[in-house]
Amino acid sequence: MRHDEMYLLINQGFAGKQRLMPFFNRSNSPNLILAIQSAGVSRGRNGFRKDKSGEKLAESEEDLLEHRTAGSDAFDTLYIGCENFPVHDIVSVPVSGVM
């Protein structure tokens, strides 16, 4: 999937225009929320993409690793997978050895 397609799919999800609309628990995921909000965009020869230039810098008190793009990349992968490959069948998994 191209970067512009990912960007459009995820932003449409946040706007409620896709099958899934992401919600975040502010008290359980403040680092993820900040990473998503602060993810920049850079323009290259193949169009635009997420700006990952800060990942090469040393961690500081103002620039924590958990606020960089690794967390937002994980969210992107999860959201795109759930949106593009929905599970329609619920599989029953036995919780004991007896079926």
PDB file of N, CA and C in Angstrom:
ATOM      1  N   MET A   1       0.851  -1.168   0.000  1.00  0.00           N
ATOM      2  CA  MET A   1       0.000   0.000   0.000  1.00  0.00           C
ATOM      3  C   MET A   1       0.902   1.238   0.000  1.00  0.00           C
ATOM      4  N   ARG A   2       0.619   2.175  -0.877  1.00  0.00           N
ATOM      5  CA  ARG A   2       1.411   3.404  -0.960  1.00  0.00           C
ATOM      6  C   ARG A   2       1.133   4.302   0.243  1.00  0.00           C
ATOM      7  N   HIS A   3       2.094   5.182   0.536  1.00  0.00           N
ATOM      8  CA  HIS A   3       1.971   6.066   1.692  1.00  0.00           C
ATOM      9  C   HIS A   3       0.738   6.961   1.596  1.00  0.00           C
ATOM     10  N   ASP A   4       0.450   7.476   0.400  1.00  0.00           N
ATOM     11  CA  ASP A   4      -0.715   8.352   0.263  1.00  0.00           C
ATOM     12  C   ASP A   4      -2.016   7.582   0.481  1.00  0.00           C
ATOM     13  N   GLU A   5      -2.057   6.314   0.082  1.00  0.00           N
ATOM     14  CA  GLU A   5      -3.241   5.487   0.315  1.00  0.00           C
ATOM     15  C   GLU A   5      -3.420   5.199   1.806  1.00  0.00           C
ATOM     16  N   MET A   6      -2.304   4.922   2.498  1.00  0.00           N
ATOM     17  CA  MET A   6      -2.372   4.685   3.947  1.00  0.00           C
ATOM     18  C   MET A   6      -2.857   5.939   4.663  1.00  0.00           C
ATOM     19  N   TYR A   7      -2.291   7.075   4.305  1.00  0.00           N
ATOM     20  CA  TYR A   7      -2.651   8.354   4.918  1.00  0.00           C
ATOM     21  C   TYR A   7      -4.144   8.624   4.739  1.00  0.00           C
ATOM     22  N   LEU A   8      -4.637   8.440   3.522  1.00  0.00           N
ATOM     23  CA  LEU A   8      -6.046   8.686   3.230  1.00  0.00           C
ATOM     24  C   LEU A   8      -6.947   7.724   4.005  1.00  0.00           C
ATOM     25  N   LEU A   9      -6.619   6.440   4.013  1.00  0.00           N
ATOM     26  CA  LEU A   9      -7.425   5.444   4.717  1.00  0.00           C
ATOM     27  C   LEU A   9      -7.514   5.757   6.212  1.00  0.00           C
ATOM     28  N   ILE A  10      -6.375   6.046   6.833  1.00  0.00           N
ATOM     29  CA  ILE A  10      -6.355   6.306   8.275  1.00  0.00           C
ATOM     30  C   ILE A  10      -7.067   7.612   8.606  1.00  0.00           C
ATOM     31  N   ASN A  11      -6.842   8.657   7.818  1.00  0.00           N
ATOM     32  CA  ASN A  11      -7.522   9.927   8.090  1.00  0.00           C
ATOM     33  C   ASN A  11      -9.026   9.825   7.872  1.00  0.00           C
ATOM     34  N   GLN A  12      -9.458   9.039   6.895  1.00  0.00           N
ATOM     35  CA  GLN A  12     -10.892   8.807   6.717  1.00  0.00           C
ATOM     36  C   GLN A  12     -11.451   8.024   7.893  1.00  0.00           C
ATOM     37  N   GLY A  13     -10.673   7.114   8.447  1.00  0.00           N
ATOM     38  CA  GLY A  13     -11.098   6.381   9.638  1.00  0.00           C
ATOM     39  C   GLY A  13     -11.304   7.312  10.814  1.00  0.00           C
ATOM     40  N   PHE A  14     -10.352   8.228  11.045  1.00  0.00           N
ATOM     41  CA  PHE A  14     -10.495   9.200  12.132  1.00  0.00           C
ATOM     42  C   PHE A  14     -11.703  10.110  11.918  1.00  0.00           C
ATOM     43  N   ALA A  15     -12.051  10.365  10.654  1.00  0.00           N
ATOM     44  CA  ALA A  15     -13.200  11.219  10.339  1.00  0.00           C
ATOM     45  C   ALA A  15     -14.518  10.445  10.361  1.00  0.00           C
ATOM     46  N   GLY A  16     -14.468   9.129  10.590  1.00  0.00           N
ATOM     47  CA  GLY A  16     -15.684   8.320  10.632  1.00  0.00           C
ATOM     48  C   GLY A  16     -16.206   7.931   9.269  1.00  0.00           C
ATOM     49  N   LYS A  17     -15.360   7.980   8.245  1.00  0.00           N
ATOM     50  CA  LYS A  17     -15.790   7.684   6.878  1.00  0.00           C
ATOM     51  C   LYS A  17     -15.370   6.295   6.409  1.00  0.00           C
ATOM     52  N   GLN A  18     -14.832   5.477   7.301  1.00  0.00           N
ATOM     53  CA  GLN A  18     -14.461   4.103   6.981  1.00  0.00           C
ATOM     54  C   GLN A  18     -15.307   3.160   7.835  1.00  0.00           C
ATOM     55  N   ARG A  19     -15.154   1.877   7.595  1.00  0.00           N
ATOM     56  CA  ARG A  19     -15.902   0.879   8.355  1.00  0.00           C
ATOM     57  C   ARG A  19     -15.555   0.949   9.834  1.00  0.00           C
ATOM     58  N   LEU A  20     -14.291   1.171  10.148  1.00  0.00           N
ATOM     59  CA  LEU A  20     -13.834   1.242  11.534  1.00  0.00           C
ATOM     60  C   LEU A  20     -13.435   2.671  11.879  1.00  0.00           C
ATOM     61  N   MET A  21     -13.816   3.115  13.072  1.00  0.00           N
ATOM     62  CA  MET A  21     -13.407   4.433  13.554  1.00  0.00           C
ATOM     63  C   MET A  21     -12.607   4.227  14.833  1.00  0.00           C
ATOM     64  N   PRO A  22     -11.323   4.601  14.823  1.00  0.00           N
ATOM     65  CA  PRO A  22     -10.492   4.366  16.009  1.00  0.00           C
ATOM     66  C   PRO A  22     -10.852   5.283  17.168  1.00  0.00           C
ATOM     67  N   PHE A  23     -10.839   4.727  18.354  1.00  0.00           N
ATOM     68  CA  PHE A  23     -11.013   5.474  19.601  1.00  0.00           C
ATOM     69  C   PHE A  23      -9.856   5.093  20.512  1.00  0.00           C
ATOM     70  N   PHE A  24      -9.413   6.033  21.334  1.00  0.00           N
ATOM     71  CA  PHE A  24      -8.288   5.792  22.232  1.00  0.00           C
ATOM     72  C   PHE A  24      -8.682   6.150  23.649  1.00  0.00           C
ATOM     73  N   ASN A  25      -8.241   5.349  24.594  1.00  0.00           N
ATOM     74  CA  ASN A  25      -8.431   5.635  26.004  1.00  0.00           C
ATOM     75  C   ASN A  25      -7.290   6.555  26.428  1.00  0.00           C
ATOM     76  N   ARG A  26      -7.616   7.815  26.725  1.00  0.00           N
ATOM     77  CA  ARG A  26      -6.581   8.814  27.039  1.00  0.00           C
ATOM     78  C   ARG A  26      -5.713   8.411  28.228  1.00  0.00           C
ATOM     79  N   SER A  27      -6.309   7.788  29.238  1.00  0.00           N
ATOM     80  CA  SER A  27      -5.530   7.452  30.428  1.00  0.00           C
ATOM     81  C   SER A  27      -4.650   6.220  30.221  1.00  0.00           C
ATOM     82  N   ASN A  28      -4.984   5.361  29.249  1.00  0.00           N
ATOM     83  CA  ASN A  28      -4.198   4.148  29.013  1.00  0.00           C
ATOM     84  C   ASN A  28      -3.172   4.279  27.894  1.00  0.00           C
ATOM     85  N   SER A  29      -3.328   5.272  27.032  1.00  0.00           N
ATOM     86  CA  SER A  29      -2.418   5.341  25.881  1.00  0.00           C
ATOM     87  C   SER A  29      -1.969   6.764  25.554  1.00  0.00           C
ATOM     88  N   PRO A  30      -1.491   7.520  26.543  1.00  0.00           N
ATOM     89  CA  PRO A  30      -1.068   8.899  26.246  1.00  0.00           C
ATOM     90  C   PRO A  30       0.121   8.963  25.289  1.00  0.00           C
ATOM     91  N   ASN A  31       1.034   7.994  25.358  1.00  0.00           N
ATOM     92  CA  ASN A  31       2.198   8.014  24.471  1.00  0.00           C
ATOM     93  C   ASN A  31       1.800   7.765  23.022  1.00  0.00           C
ATOM     94  N   LEU A  32       0.876   6.835  22.797  1.00  0.00           N
ATOM     95  CA  LEU A  32       0.408   6.569  21.440  1.00  0.00           C
ATOM     96  C   LEU A  32      -0.316   7.782  20.879  1.00  0.00           C
ATOM     97  N   ILE A  33      -1.171   8.397  21.679  1.00  0.00           N
ATOM     98  CA  ILE A  33      -1.905   9.577  21.217  1.00  0.00           C
ATOM     99  C   ILE A  33      -0.931  10.677  20.820  1.00  0.00           C
ATOM    100  N   LEU A  34       0.065  10.938  21.651  1.00  0.00           N
ATOM    101  CA  LEU A  34       1.049  11.974  21.344  1.00  0.00           C
ATOM    102  C   LEU A  34       1.865  11.614  20.103  1.00  0.00           C
ATOM    103  N   ALA A  35       2.233  10.346  19.952  1.00  0.00           N
ATOM    104  CA  ALA A  35       2.999   9.918  18.774  1.00  0.00           C
ATOM    105  C   ALA A  35       2.199  10.122  17.497  1.00  0.00           C
ATOM    106  N   ILE A  36       0.903   9.813  17.525  1.00  0.00           N
ATOM    107  CA  ILE A  36       0.056   9.997  16.346  1.00  0.00           C
ATOM    108  C   ILE A  36      -0.117  11.480  16.046  1.00  0.00           C
ATOM    109  N   GLN A  37      -0.364  12.278  17.079  1.00  0.00           N
ATOM    110  CA  GLN A  37      -0.581  13.710  16.878  1.00  0.00           C
ATOM    111  C   GLN A  37       0.670  14.426  16.385  1.00  0.00           C
ATOM    112  N   SER A  38       1.836  13.963  16.801  1.00  0.00           N
ATOM    113  CA  SER A  38       3.061  14.677  16.447  1.00  0.00           C
ATOM    114  C   SER A  38       3.784  14.090  15.236  1.00  0.00           C
ATOM    115  N   ALA A  39       3.239  13.043  14.630  1.00  0.00           N
ATOM    116  CA  ALA A  39       3.877  12.451  13.447  1.00  0.00           C
ATOM    117  C   ALA A  39       3.836  13.454  12.297  1.00  0.00           C
ATOM    118  N   GLY A  40       5.012  13.798  11.808  1.00  0.00           N
ATOM    119  CA  GLY A  40       5.106  14.752  10.707  1.00  0.00           C
ATOM    120  C   GLY A  40       5.061  14.060   9.357  1.00  0.00           C
ATOM    121  N   VAL A  41       4.983  14.868   8.312  1.00  0.00           N
ATOM    122  CA  VAL A  41       4.948  14.362   6.944  1.00  0.00           C
ATOM    123  C   VAL A  41       6.096  15.012   6.180  1.00  0.00           C
ATOM    124  N   SER A  42       6.811  14.215   5.400  1.00  0.00           N
ATOM    125  CA  SER A  42       7.864  14.763   4.546  1.00  0.00           C
ATOM    126  C   SER A  42       7.539  14.436   3.094  1.00  0.00           C
ATOM    127  N   ARG A  43       8.036  15.268   2.216  1.00  0.00           N
ATOM    128  CA  ARG A  43       7.786  15.085   0.795  1.00  0.00           C
ATOM    129  C   ARG A  43       9.071  14.599   0.145  1.00  0.00           C
ATOM    130  N   GLY A  44       8.960  13.528  -0.595  1.00  0.00           N
ATOM    131  CA  GLY A  44      10.110  12.960  -1.290  1.00  0.00           C
ATOM    132  C   GLY A  44       9.834  12.829  -2.774  1.00  0.00           C
ATOM    133  N   ARG A  45      10.708  12.140  -3.480  1.00  0.00           N
ATOM    134  CA  ARG A  45      10.527  11.996  -4.932  1.00  0.00           C
ATOM    135  C   ARG A  45       9.344  11.099  -5.278  1.00  0.00           C
ATOM    136  N   ASN A  46       8.910  10.268  -4.331  1.00  0.00           N
ATOM    137  CA  ASN A  46       7.764   9.378  -4.564  1.00  0.00           C
ATOM    138  C   ASN A  46       6.497   9.878  -3.881  1.00  0.00           C
ATOM    139  N   GLY A  47       6.417  11.164  -3.606  1.00  0.00           N
ATOM    140  CA  GLY A  47       5.240  11.709  -2.928  1.00  0.00           C
ATOM    141  C   GLY A  47       5.539  11.953  -1.468  1.00  0.00           C
ATOM    142  N   PHE A  48       4.510  11.962  -0.651  1.00  0.00           N
ATOM    143  CA  PHE A  48       4.729  12.239   0.767  1.00  0.00           C
ATOM    144  C   PHE A  48       4.710  10.959   1.579  1.00  0.00           C
ATOM    145  N   ARG A  49       5.343  11.056   2.753  1.00  0.00           N
ATOM    146  CA  ARG A  49       5.408   9.917   3.664  1.00  0.00           C
ATOM    147  C   ARG A  49       5.614  10.433   5.073  1.00  0.00           C
ATOM    148  N   LYS A  50       5.507   9.553   6.036  1.00  0.00           N
ATOM    149  CA  LYS A  50       5.715   9.924   7.434  1.00  0.00           C
ATOM    150  C   LYS A  50       7.170  10.332   7.634  1.00  0.00           C
ATOM    151  N   ASP A  51       7.387  11.450   8.325  1.00  0.00           N
ATOM    152  CA  ASP A  51       8.738  11.954   8.577  1.00  0.00           C
ATOM    153  C   ASP A  51       9.370  11.171   9.722  1.00  0.00           C
ATOM    154  N   LYS A  52      10.405  10.409   9.404  1.00  0.00           N
ATOM    155  CA  LYS A  52      11.074   9.583  10.410  1.00  0.00           C
ATOM    156  C   LYS A  52      12.482  10.090  10.704  1.00  0.00           C
ATOM    157  N   SER A  53      12.772  11.321  10.333  1.00  0.00           N
ATOM    158  CA  SER A  53      14.121  11.859  10.526  1.00  0.00           C
ATOM    159  C   SER A  53      14.499  11.932  12.001  1.00  0.00           C
ATOM    160  N   GLY A  54      13.549  12.136  12.890  1.00  0.00           N
ATOM    161  CA  GLY A  54      13.834  12.229  14.317  1.00  0.00           C
ATOM    162  C   GLY A  54      14.218  10.918  14.961  1.00  0.00           C
ATOM    163  N   GLU A  55      13.965   9.801  14.288  1.00  0.00           N
ATOM    164  CA  GLU A  55      14.279   8.498  14.873  1.00  0.00           C
ATOM    165  C   GLU A  55      15.779   8.270  15.023  1.00  0.00           C
ATOM    166  N   LYS A  56      16.572   8.987  14.251  1.00  0.00           N
ATOM    167  CA  LYS A  56      18.028   8.809  14.308  1.00  0.00           C
ATOM    168  C   LYS A  56      18.659   9.613  15.439  1.00  0.00           C
ATOM    169  N   LEU A  57      17.921  10.538  16.021  1.00  0.00           N
ATOM    170  CA  LEU A  57      18.446  11.390  17.079  1.00  0.00           C
ATOM    171  C   LEU A  57      18.451  10.656  18.413  1.00  0.00           C
ATOM    172  N   ALA A  58      19.344  11.066  19.284  1.00  0.00           N
ATOM    173  CA  ALA A  58      19.395  10.484  20.626  1.00  0.00           C
ATOM    174  C   ALA A  58      18.156  10.907  21.413  1.00  0.00           C
ATOM    175  N   GLU A  59      17.720  10.039  22.299  1.00  0.00           N
ATOM    176  CA  GLU A  59      16.561  10.342  23.139  1.00  0.00           C
ATOM    177  C   GLU A  59      16.919  11.455  24.125  1.00  0.00           C
ATOM    178  N   SER A  60      15.966  12.346  24.353  1.00  0.00           N
ATOM    179  CA  SER A  60      16.144  13.407  25.345  1.00  0.00           C
ATOM    180  C   SER A  60      14.857  13.522  26.150  1.00  0.00           C
ATOM    181  N   GLU A  61      14.870  14.349  27.181  1.00  0.00           N
ATOM    182  CA  GLU A  61      13.658  14.535  27.991  1.00  0.00           C
ATOM    183  C   GLU A  61      12.541  15.161  27.175  1.00  0.00           C
ATOM    184  N   GLU A  62      12.888  15.993  26.199  1.00  0.00           N
ATOM    185  CA  GLU A  62      11.879  16.640  25.351  1.00  0.00           C
ATOM    186  C   GLU A  62      11.453  15.758  24.180  1.00  0.00           C
ATOM    187  N   ASP A  63      12.273  14.770  23.842  1.00  0.00           N
ATOM    188  CA  ASP A  63      12.014  13.914  22.681  1.00  0.00           C
ATOM    189  C   ASP A  63      12.169  12.453  23.090  1.00  0.00           C
ATOM    190  N   LEU A  64      11.150  11.921  23.756  1.00  0.00           N
ATOM    191  CA  LEU A  64      11.179  10.542  24.242  1.00  0.00           C
ATOM    192  C   LEU A  64      10.948   9.561  23.095  1.00  0.00           C
ATOM    193  N   LEU A  65      11.553   8.377  23.196  1.00  0.00           N
ATOM    194  CA  LEU A  65      11.394   7.359  22.159  1.00  0.00           C
ATOM    195  C   LEU A  65       9.932   6.976  21.958  1.00  0.00           C
ATOM    196  N   GLU A  66       9.164   6.897  23.042  1.00  0.00           N
ATOM    197  CA  GLU A  66       7.768   6.470  22.920  1.00  0.00           C
ATOM    198  C   GLU A  66       6.877   7.500  22.229  1.00  0.00           C
ATOM    199  N   HIS A  67       7.403   8.700  21.974  1.00  0.00           N
ATOM    200  CA  HIS A  67       6.629   9.724  21.270  1.00  0.00           C
ATOM    201  C   HIS A  67       7.021   9.818  19.799  1.00  0.00           C
ATOM    202  N   ARG A  68       7.883   8.923  19.365  1.00  0.00           N
ATOM    203  CA  ARG A  68       8.331   8.928  17.971  1.00  0.00           C
ATOM    204  C   ARG A  68       7.419   8.048  17.127  1.00  0.00           C
ATOM    205  N   THR A  69       7.806   7.833  15.885  1.00  0.00           N
ATOM    206  CA  THR A  69       6.894   7.195  14.930  1.00  0.00           C
ATOM    207  C   THR A  69       6.736   5.685  15.079  1.00  0.00           C
ATOM    208  N   ALA A  70       7.544   5.016  15.890  1.00  0.00           N
ATOM    209  CA  ALA A  70       7.407   3.556  16.017  1.00  0.00           C
ATOM    210  C   ALA A  70       6.022   3.171  16.531  1.00  0.00           C
ATOM    211  N   GLY A  71       5.518   3.881  17.531  1.00  0.00           N
ATOM    212  CA  GLY A  71       4.183   3.593  18.058  1.00  0.00           C
ATOM    213  C   GLY A  71       3.090   3.881  17.054  1.00  0.00           C
ATOM    214  N   SER A  72       3.206   4.994  16.346  1.00  0.00           N
ATOM    215  CA  SER A  72       2.182   5.312  15.354  1.00  0.00           C
ATOM    216  C   SER A  72       2.266   4.357  14.163  1.00  0.00           C
ATOM    217  N   ASP A  73       3.466   3.857  13.837  1.00  0.00           N
ATOM    218  CA  ASP A  73       3.597   2.845  12.780  1.00  0.00           C
ATOM    219  C   ASP A  73       2.872   1.558  13.170  1.00  0.00           C
ATOM    220  N   ALA A  74       2.992   1.166  14.429  1.00  0.00           N
ATOM    221  CA  ALA A  74       2.302  -0.035  14.908  1.00  0.00           C
ATOM    222  C   ALA A  74       0.790   0.153  14.813  1.00  0.00           C
ATOM    223  N   PHE A  75       0.304   1.338  15.199  1.00  0.00           N
ATOM    224  CA  PHE A  75      -1.131   1.616  15.068  1.00  0.00           C
ATOM    225  C   PHE A  75      -1.543   1.565  13.602  1.00  0.00           C
ATOM    226  N   ASP A  76      -0.763   2.188  12.715  1.00  0.00           N
ATOM    227  CA  ASP A  76      -1.085   2.186  11.282  1.00  0.00           C
ATOM    228  C   ASP A  76      -1.250   0.760  10.772  1.00  0.00           C
ATOM    229  N   THR A  77      -0.308  -0.104  11.119  1.00  0.00           N
ATOM    230  CA  THR A  77      -0.343  -1.497  10.671  1.00  0.00           C
ATOM    231  C   THR A  77      -1.584  -2.214  11.195  1.00  0.00           C
ATOM    232  N   LEU A  78      -1.886  -2.025  12.463  1.00  0.00           N
ATOM    233  CA  LEU A  78      -3.062  -2.659  13.060  1.00  0.00           C
ATOM    234  C   LEU A  78      -4.343  -2.153  12.409  1.00  0.00           C
ATOM    235  N   TYR A  79      -4.472  -0.837  12.252  1.00  0.00           N
ATOM    236  CA  TYR A  79      -5.699  -0.272  11.677  1.00  0.00           C
ATOM    237  C   TYR A  79      -5.882  -0.727  10.228  1.00  0.00           C
ATOM    238  N   ILE A  80      -4.837  -0.644   9.428  1.00  0.00           N
ATOM    239  CA  ILE A  80      -4.940  -1.031   8.018  1.00  0.00           C
ATOM    240  C   ILE A  80      -5.280  -2.515   7.900  1.00  0.00           C
ATOM    241  N   GLY A  81      -4.663  -3.351   8.733  1.00  0.00           N
ATOM    242  CA  GLY A  81      -4.980  -4.777   8.714  1.00  0.00           C
ATOM    243  C   GLY A  81      -6.426  -5.055   9.078  1.00  0.00           C
ATOM    244  N   CYS A  82      -6.921  -4.395  10.112  1.00  0.00           N
ATOM    245  CA  CYS A  82      -8.312  -4.597  10.541  1.00  0.00           C
ATOM    246  C   CYS A  82      -9.294  -4.069   9.501  1.00  0.00           C
ATOM    247  N   GLU A  83      -8.952  -2.962   8.861  1.00  0.00           N
ATOM    248  CA  GLU A  83      -9.840  -2.363   7.861  1.00  0.00           C
ATOM    249  C   GLU A  83      -9.864  -3.184   6.569  1.00  0.00           C
ATOM    250  N   ASN A  84      -8.717  -3.637   6.134  1.00  0.00           N
ATOM    251  CA  ASN A  84      -8.631  -4.337   4.846  1.00  0.00           C
ATOM    252  C   ASN A  84      -8.888  -5.836   4.928  1.00  0.00           C
ATOM    253  N   PHE A  85      -8.745  -6.421   6.115  1.00  0.00           N
ATOM    254  CA  PHE A  85      -8.923  -7.867   6.269  1.00  0.00           C
ATOM    255  C   PHE A  85      -9.844  -8.162   7.451  1.00  0.00           C
ATOM    256  N   PRO A  86     -11.112  -7.772   7.346  1.00  0.00           N
ATOM    257  CA  PRO A  86     -12.029  -7.985   8.476  1.00  0.00           C
ATOM    258  C   PRO A  86     -12.278  -9.466   8.728  1.00  0.00           C
ATOM    259  N   VAL A  87     -12.509  -9.796   9.972  1.00  0.00           N
ATOM    260  CA  VAL A  87     -12.837 -11.162  10.363  1.00  0.00           C
ATOM    261  C   VAL A  87     -14.348 -11.229  10.513  1.00  0.00           C
ATOM    262  N   HIS A  88     -14.978 -12.040   9.694  1.00  0.00           N
ATOM    263  CA  HIS A  88     -16.435 -12.128   9.715  1.00  0.00           C
ATOM    264  C   HIS A  88     -16.935 -13.301  10.539  1.00  0.00           C
ATOM    265  N   ASP A  89     -16.108 -14.302  10.698  1.00  0.00           N
ATOM    266  CA  ASP A  89     -16.524 -15.489  11.436  1.00  0.00           C
ATOM    267  C   ASP A  89     -15.900 -15.478  12.821  1.00  0.00           C
ATOM    268  N   ILE A  90     -16.713 -15.721  13.815  1.00  0.00           N
ATOM    269  CA  ILE A  90     -16.213 -15.862  15.174  1.00  0.00           C
ATOM    270  C   ILE A  90     -15.886 -17.338  15.375  1.00  0.00           C
ATOM    271  N   VAL A  91     -14.680 -17.619  15.774  1.00  0.00           N
ATOM    272  CA  VAL A  91     -14.240 -18.990  15.990  1.00  0.00           C
ATOM    273  C   VAL A  91     -14.363 -19.299  17.468  1.00  0.00           C
ATOM    274  N   SER A  92     -15.031 -20.393  17.788  1.00  0.00           N
ATOM    275  CA  SER A  92     -15.177 -20.812  19.170  1.00  0.00           C
ATOM    276  C   SER A  92     -13.911 -21.531  19.615  1.00  0.00           C
ATOM    277  N   VAL A  93     -13.336 -21.052  20.698  1.00  0.00           N
ATOM    278  CA  VAL A  93     -12.128 -21.664  21.238  1.00  0.00           C
ATOM    279  C   VAL A  93     -12.469 -22.243  22.601  1.00  0.00           C
ATOM    280  N   PRO A  94     -12.308 -23.554  22.777  1.00  0.00           N
ATOM    281  CA  PRO A  94     -12.627 -24.140  24.080  1.00  0.00           C
ATOM    282  C   PRO A  94     -11.641 -23.657  25.144  1.00  0.00           C
ATOM    283  N   VAL A  95     -12.169 -23.382  26.334  1.00  0.00           N
ATOM    284  CA  VAL A  95     -11.314 -22.921  27.427  1.00  0.00           C
ATOM    285  C   VAL A  95     -10.899 -24.062  28.343  1.00  0.00           C
ATOM    286  N   SER A  96     -11.427 -25.234  28.102  1.00  0.00           N
ATOM    287  CA  SER A  96     -11.008 -26.409  28.865  1.00  0.00           C
ATOM    288  C   SER A  96     -10.692 -27.522  27.873  1.00  0.00           C
ATOM    289  N   GLY A  97     -10.227 -28.629  28.374  1.00  0.00           N
ATOM    290  CA  GLY A  97      -9.889 -29.742  27.508  1.00  0.00           C
ATOM    291  C   GLY A  97     -11.099 -30.517  27.016  1.00  0.00           C
ATOM    292  N   VAL A  98     -12.307 -30.197  27.491  1.00  0.00           N
ATOM    293  CA  VAL A  98     -13.522 -30.918  27.124  1.00  0.00           C
ATOM    294  C   VAL A  98     -14.302 -30.089  26.119  1.00  0.00           C
ATOM    295  N   MET A  99     -14.717 -30.733  25.019  1.00  0.00           N
ATOM    296  CA  MET A  99     -15.499 -30.004  24.022  1.00  0.00           C
ATOM    297  C   MET A  99     -16.938 -30.436  24.062  1.00  0.00           C
TER     298      MET A  99
END
